[in-house]
């Protein structure tokens, strides 16, 4: 079952990136997430919340409110 996520970052250099909206498994702190253009940031926080805009459904049904994970992304602290 897909997990709906809202990925966000406060890094200006990544403001225009397109991040995943659905993941196959729940992300955990330390996971790496790749944008549509191949830029990678690390998960630093995961918050369980309700979707502010609703979860997508097939047309013609309107979006439904539902649970979603808010995933905060940032650069990793060190590179191995």
Protein backbone atom coordinates (compact mmCIF):
# COMPACT_ATOMS: atom_id res chain seq x y z
CA UNK A 1 0.00 0.00 0.00
CA UNK A 2 1.53 3.37 -0.96
CA UNK A 3 2.34 5.85 1.79
CA UNK A 4 1.48 9.47 1.04
CA UNK A 5 4.17 11.96 2.05
CA UNK A 6 4.79 15.70 1.95
CA UNK A 7 8.51 16.30 1.51
CA UNK A 8 9.80 19.73 2.43
CA UNK A 9 13.09 21.51 3.04
CA UNK A 10 14.08 25.01 4.08
CA UNK A 11 17.20 24.97 1.88
CA UNK A 12 16.87 27.69 -0.78
CA UNK A 13 18.99 25.76 -3.29
CA UNK A 14 16.39 22.96 -3.31
CA UNK A 15 13.21 25.09 -3.29
CA UNK A 16 12.26 24.29 -6.91
CA UNK A 17 12.93 20.56 -6.70
CA UNK A 18 10.11 18.06 -7.17
CA UNK A 19 10.14 15.55 -4.30
CA UNK A 20 8.22 12.25 -4.08
CA UNK A 21 4.58 12.41 -2.99
CA UNK A 22 4.24 8.65 -2.44
CA UNK A 23 6.71 6.14 -0.98
CA UNK A 24 6.66 2.34 -0.79
CA UNK A 25 7.61 2.25 2.90
CA UNK A 26 7.67 4.68 5.80
CA UNK A 27 10.80 6.84 5.69
CA UNK A 28 12.96 6.99 8.82
CA UNK A 29 15.46 9.58 10.00
CA UNK A 30 18.70 9.03 8.10
CA UNK A 31 17.09 7.79 4.87
CA UNK A 32 18.10 9.54 1.67
CA UNK A 33 15.42 10.94 -0.68
CA UNK A 34 16.10 11.76 -4.34
CA UNK A 35 14.29 14.52 -6.25
CA UNK A 36 13.07 14.22 -9.85
CA UNK A 37 16.31 15.85 -11.06
CA UNK A 38 18.56 13.54 -9.01
CA UNK A 39 19.40 15.80 -6.07
CA UNK A 40 19.57 13.91 -2.78
CA UNK A 41 18.75 15.09 0.75
CA UNK A 42 18.56 13.24 4.06
CA UNK A 43 15.40 12.71 6.15
CA UNK A 44 15.92 14.62 9.42
CA UNK A 45 12.36 14.47 10.82
CA UNK A 46 9.11 12.57 10.16
CA UNK A 47 5.76 13.87 11.45
CA UNK A 48 2.44 12.02 11.25
CA UNK A 49 -0.32 14.48 10.28
CA UNK A 50 -3.50 14.97 8.24
CA UNK A 51 -3.25 16.04 4.62
CA UNK A 52 -4.06 19.76 4.29
CA UNK A 53 -5.32 19.35 0.70
CA UNK A 54 -6.67 15.82 0.88
CA UNK A 55 -5.41 12.60 -0.65
CA UNK A 56 -5.83 12.16 -4.41
CA UNK A 57 -8.54 9.83 -5.71
CA UNK A 58 -9.49 8.75 -9.22
CA UNK A 59 -11.67 11.21 -11.16
CA UNK A 60 -14.41 12.34 -10.74
CA UNK A 61 -14.07 11.94 -6.96
CA UNK A 62 -12.72 14.91 -4.95
CA UNK A 63 -9.69 14.49 -2.66
CA UNK A 64 -10.38 13.05 0.80
CA UNK A 65 -8.73 14.19 4.02
CA UNK A 66 -6.40 11.48 5.27
CA UNK A 67 -3.20 10.65 7.12
CA UNK A 68 0.08 11.65 5.57
CA UNK A 69 3.73 11.80 6.67
CA UNK A 70 5.44 15.20 6.63
CA UNK A 71 9.09 14.50 5.78
CA UNK A 72 11.64 17.20 6.57
CA UNK A 73 14.74 17.03 4.36
CA UNK A 74 18.17 18.57 4.83
CA UNK A 75 21.77 17.95 3.87
CA UNK A 76 23.50 15.11 5.62
CA UNK A 77 25.86 16.09 8.41
CA UNK A 78 28.81 14.09 7.13
CA UNK A 79 29.76 12.19 4.02
CA UNK A 80 31.27 8.72 4.47
